[in-house]
């Protein structure tokens, strides 16, 4: 049995996107909307998260960076 080992090129690593999950809702029972958004850099993603996170309003928004394929626990109801 032969096993082929491959490595990612520098260009492939550079092309990886940062995934941000954005949840929005009203009340504290759960999110009404959830959507992913892709960013080219972690810095851009963090700036976006800082600009949209608002847990104090009637209509709240919560965003976080996730890894591709990562399972995340529901965060609503924990604030």
N, C-alpha and C. Protein backbone atom coordinates (compact mmCIF):
# COMPACT_ATOMS: atom_id res chain seq x y z
N UNK A 1 0.83 -1.16 0.00
CA UNK A 1 0.00 0.00 0.00
C UNK A 1 0.89 1.24 0.00
N UNK A 2 0.59 2.17 -0.91
CA UNK A 2 1.35 3.41 -0.99
C UNK A 2 0.51 4.54 -0.41
N UNK A 3 1.16 5.40 0.32
CA UNK A 3 0.50 6.57 0.89
C UNK A 3 1.14 7.80 0.28
N UNK A 4 0.31 8.65 -0.27
CA UNK A 4 0.80 9.88 -0.88
C UNK A 4 0.71 11.01 0.16
N UNK A 5 1.81 11.64 0.42
CA UNK A 5 1.86 12.74 1.38
C UNK A 5 1.92 14.04 0.59
N UNK A 6 1.01 14.94 0.90
CA UNK A 6 1.03 16.24 0.24
C UNK A 6 1.10 17.32 1.29
N UNK A 7 1.67 18.43 0.92
CA UNK A 7 1.72 19.59 1.81
C UNK A 7 1.09 20.76 1.08
N UNK A 8 0.56 21.67 1.85
CA UNK A 8 -0.05 22.85 1.25
C UNK A 8 1.03 23.84 0.84
N UNK A 9 0.82 24.47 -0.29
CA UNK A 9 1.76 25.47 -0.74
C UNK A 9 1.55 26.76 0.05
N UNK A 10 2.51 27.62 -0.02
CA UNK A 10 2.41 28.91 0.66
C UNK A 10 1.20 29.69 0.15
N UNK A 11 0.93 29.60 -1.15
CA UNK A 11 -0.20 30.32 -1.73
C UNK A 11 -1.52 29.77 -1.18
N UNK A 12 -1.63 28.44 -1.02
CA UNK A 12 -2.84 27.85 -0.46
C UNK A 12 -3.07 28.32 0.97
N UNK A 13 -2.03 28.42 1.75
CA UNK A 13 -2.14 28.90 3.12
C UNK A 13 -2.60 30.34 3.13
N UNK A 14 -2.05 31.16 2.25
CA UNK A 14 -2.43 32.56 2.17
C UNK A 14 -3.88 32.74 1.76
N UNK A 15 -4.42 31.80 0.98
CA UNK A 15 -5.78 31.94 0.45
C UNK A 15 -6.86 31.50 1.45
N UNK A 16 -6.47 30.92 2.58
CA UNK A 16 -7.46 30.49 3.56
C UNK A 16 -8.25 31.69 4.05
N UNK A 17 -9.54 31.49 4.20
CA UNK A 17 -10.41 32.55 4.68
C UNK A 17 -10.68 32.36 6.18
N UNK A 18 -10.96 33.45 6.84
CA UNK A 18 -11.37 33.43 8.24
C UNK A 18 -12.89 33.40 8.24
N UNK A 19 -13.47 32.45 8.97
CA UNK A 19 -14.92 32.29 9.01
C UNK A 19 -15.47 32.92 10.28
N UNK A 20 -16.46 33.78 10.11
CA UNK A 20 -17.15 34.38 11.25
C UNK A 20 -18.61 33.96 11.17
N UNK A 21 -19.15 33.47 12.29
CA UNK A 21 -20.56 33.14 12.38
C UNK A 21 -21.24 34.30 13.09
N UNK A 22 -22.31 34.82 12.48
CA UNK A 22 -23.06 35.93 13.06
C UNK A 22 -24.45 35.43 13.40
N UNK A 23 -24.83 35.62 14.65
CA UNK A 23 -26.18 35.26 15.09
C UNK A 23 -26.90 36.54 15.50
N UNK A 24 -28.17 36.62 15.12
CA UNK A 24 -28.99 37.77 15.50
C UNK A 24 -30.31 37.26 16.03
N UNK A 25 -30.89 38.02 16.94
CA UNK A 25 -32.17 37.59 17.47
C UNK A 25 -32.85 38.65 18.30
N UNK A 26 -34.05 38.29 18.76
CA UNK A 26 -34.85 39.13 19.64
C UNK A 26 -35.21 38.25 20.83
N UNK A 27 -35.01 38.74 22.01
CA UNK A 27 -35.26 37.92 23.19
C UNK A 27 -34.06 37.03 23.47
N UNK A 28 -34.21 36.13 24.42
CA UNK A 28 -33.08 35.31 24.83
C UNK A 28 -33.31 33.82 24.62
N UNK A 29 -34.38 33.44 23.94
CA UNK A 29 -34.65 32.02 23.74
C UNK A 29 -33.75 31.38 22.69
N UNK A 30 -33.31 32.14 21.72
CA UNK A 30 -32.46 31.59 20.68
C UNK A 30 -32.25 32.60 19.57
N UNK A 31 -31.37 32.24 18.66
CA UNK A 31 -31.08 33.10 17.51
C UNK A 31 -32.19 32.96 16.48
N UNK A 32 -32.58 34.07 15.88
CA UNK A 32 -33.56 34.05 14.80
C UNK A 32 -32.89 33.90 13.44
N UNK A 33 -31.66 34.39 13.34
CA UNK A 33 -30.90 34.31 12.09
C UNK A 33 -29.46 33.96 12.41
N UNK A 34 -28.88 33.11 11.58
CA UNK A 34 -27.46 32.79 11.70
C UNK A 34 -26.88 32.78 10.30
N UNK A 35 -25.74 33.44 10.11
CA UNK A 35 -25.11 33.44 8.79
C UNK A 35 -23.60 33.43 8.93
N UNK A 36 -22.91 32.84 7.96
CA UNK A 36 -21.45 32.90 7.94
C UNK A 36 -20.98 34.10 7.11
N UNK A 37 -19.81 34.59 7.42
CA UNK A 37 -19.19 35.66 6.64
C UNK A 37 -17.71 35.33 6.56
N UNK A 38 -17.12 35.50 5.39
CA UNK A 38 -15.71 35.18 5.17
C UNK A 38 -14.86 36.45 5.12
N UNK A 39 -13.66 36.35 5.70
CA UNK A 39 -12.72 37.47 5.70
C UNK A 39 -11.36 36.99 5.23
N UNK A 40 -10.60 37.90 4.65
CA UNK A 40 -9.25 37.57 4.17
C UNK A 40 -8.23 37.54 5.29
N UNK A 41 -8.42 38.37 6.32
CA UNK A 41 -7.46 38.42 7.42
C UNK A 41 -8.18 38.33 8.76
N UNK A 42 -7.47 37.83 9.74
CA UNK A 42 -8.03 37.74 11.11
C UNK A 42 -8.30 39.15 11.64
N UNK A 43 -7.44 40.09 11.30
CA UNK A 43 -7.60 41.47 11.75
C UNK A 43 -8.93 42.05 11.26
N UNK A 44 -9.25 41.84 9.98
CA UNK A 44 -10.53 42.32 9.43
C UNK A 44 -11.70 41.66 10.14
N UNK A 45 -11.58 40.36 10.39
CA UNK A 45 -12.65 39.63 11.07
C UNK A 45 -12.86 40.18 12.48
N UNK A 46 -11.79 40.40 13.21
CA UNK A 46 -11.90 40.92 14.57
C UNK A 46 -12.49 42.32 14.61
N UNK A 47 -12.12 43.17 13.65
CA UNK A 47 -12.71 44.52 13.56
C UNK A 47 -14.20 44.43 13.30
N UNK A 48 -14.60 43.53 12.40
CA UNK A 48 -16.02 43.36 12.10
C UNK A 48 -16.78 42.90 13.35
N UNK A 49 -16.23 41.90 14.03
CA UNK A 49 -16.88 41.37 15.24
C UNK A 49 -17.06 42.48 16.27
N UNK A 50 -16.03 43.26 16.46
CA UNK A 50 -16.09 44.37 17.42
C UNK A 50 -17.18 45.38 17.04
N UNK A 51 -17.36 45.58 15.74
CA UNK A 51 -18.33 46.58 15.29
C UNK A 51 -19.78 46.08 15.34
N UNK A 52 -20.01 44.77 15.32
CA UNK A 52 -21.40 44.27 15.28
C UNK A 52 -21.89 43.67 16.60
N UNK A 53 -20.99 43.18 17.46
CA UNK A 53 -21.44 42.55 18.69
C UNK A 53 -22.21 43.55 19.55
N UNK A 54 -23.45 43.19 19.88
CA UNK A 54 -24.31 44.03 20.71
C UNK A 54 -25.30 43.11 21.42
N UNK A 55 -25.04 42.84 22.67
CA UNK A 55 -25.90 41.94 23.43
C UNK A 55 -26.90 42.68 24.31
N UNK A 56 -26.83 44.01 24.32
CA UNK A 56 -27.67 44.79 25.21
C UNK A 56 -28.94 45.33 24.55
N UNK A 57 -29.02 45.32 23.24
CA UNK A 57 -30.18 45.87 22.53
C UNK A 57 -31.32 44.87 22.49
N UNK A 58 -32.51 45.36 22.18
CA UNK A 58 -33.68 44.49 22.02
C UNK A 58 -33.41 43.44 20.94
N UNK A 59 -32.81 43.87 19.84
CA UNK A 59 -32.40 42.97 18.76
C UNK A 59 -30.89 42.81 18.87
N UNK A 60 -30.43 41.71 19.42
CA UNK A 60 -29.02 41.50 19.71
C UNK A 60 -28.30 40.88 18.52
N UNK A 61 -26.98 41.05 18.50
CA UNK A 61 -26.10 40.45 17.50
C UNK A 61 -24.87 39.92 18.21
N UNK A 62 -24.48 38.71 17.83
CA UNK A 62 -23.27 38.12 18.40
C UNK A 62 -22.50 37.44 17.27
N UNK A 63 -21.21 37.71 17.17
CA UNK A 63 -20.36 37.13 16.12
C UNK A 63 -19.11 36.55 16.76
N UNK A 64 -18.62 35.47 16.16
CA UNK A 64 -17.36 34.88 16.62
C UNK A 64 -16.65 34.17 15.48
N UNK A 65 -15.34 34.07 15.59
CA UNK A 65 -14.52 33.35 14.61
C UNK A 65 -14.62 31.86 14.90
N UNK A 66 -14.80 31.08 13.85
CA UNK A 66 -14.82 29.62 13.98
C UNK A 66 -13.90 29.01 12.94
N UNK A 67 -13.47 27.79 13.21
CA UNK A 67 -12.63 27.06 12.26
C UNK A 67 -13.53 26.27 11.32
N UNK A 68 -13.05 25.99 10.13
CA UNK A 68 -13.79 25.20 9.15
C UNK A 68 -14.12 23.84 9.75
N UNK A 69 -15.39 23.48 9.75
CA UNK A 69 -15.83 22.18 10.26
C UNK A 69 -16.00 22.13 11.76
N UNK A 70 -15.72 23.21 12.46
CA UNK A 70 -15.82 23.23 13.92
C UNK A 70 -17.28 23.24 14.37
N UNK A 71 -17.59 22.41 15.35
CA UNK A 71 -18.92 22.44 15.96
C UNK A 71 -18.86 23.43 17.12
N UNK A 72 -19.89 24.26 17.21
CA UNK A 72 -19.93 25.23 18.29
C UNK A 72 -21.22 25.07 19.07
N UNK A 73 -21.15 25.35 20.36
CA UNK A 73 -22.34 25.29 21.20
C UNK A 73 -23.15 26.55 20.99
N UNK A 74 -24.48 26.44 21.12
CA UNK A 74 -25.29 27.66 21.07
C UNK A 74 -24.89 28.59 22.22
N UNK A 75 -24.67 29.84 21.93
CA UNK A 75 -24.22 30.79 22.94
C UNK A 75 -25.36 31.61 23.47
N UNK A 76 -26.46 31.71 22.76
CA UNK A 76 -27.56 32.55 23.22
C UNK A 76 -28.13 31.97 24.51
N UNK A 77 -28.62 32.86 25.34
CA UNK A 77 -29.11 32.46 26.65
C UNK A 77 -28.02 32.44 27.69
N UNK A 78 -26.77 32.66 27.28
CA UNK A 78 -25.65 32.63 28.22
C UNK A 78 -25.16 34.04 28.58
N UNK A 79 -25.85 35.07 28.13
CA UNK A 79 -25.35 36.40 28.46
C UNK A 79 -26.08 36.98 29.63
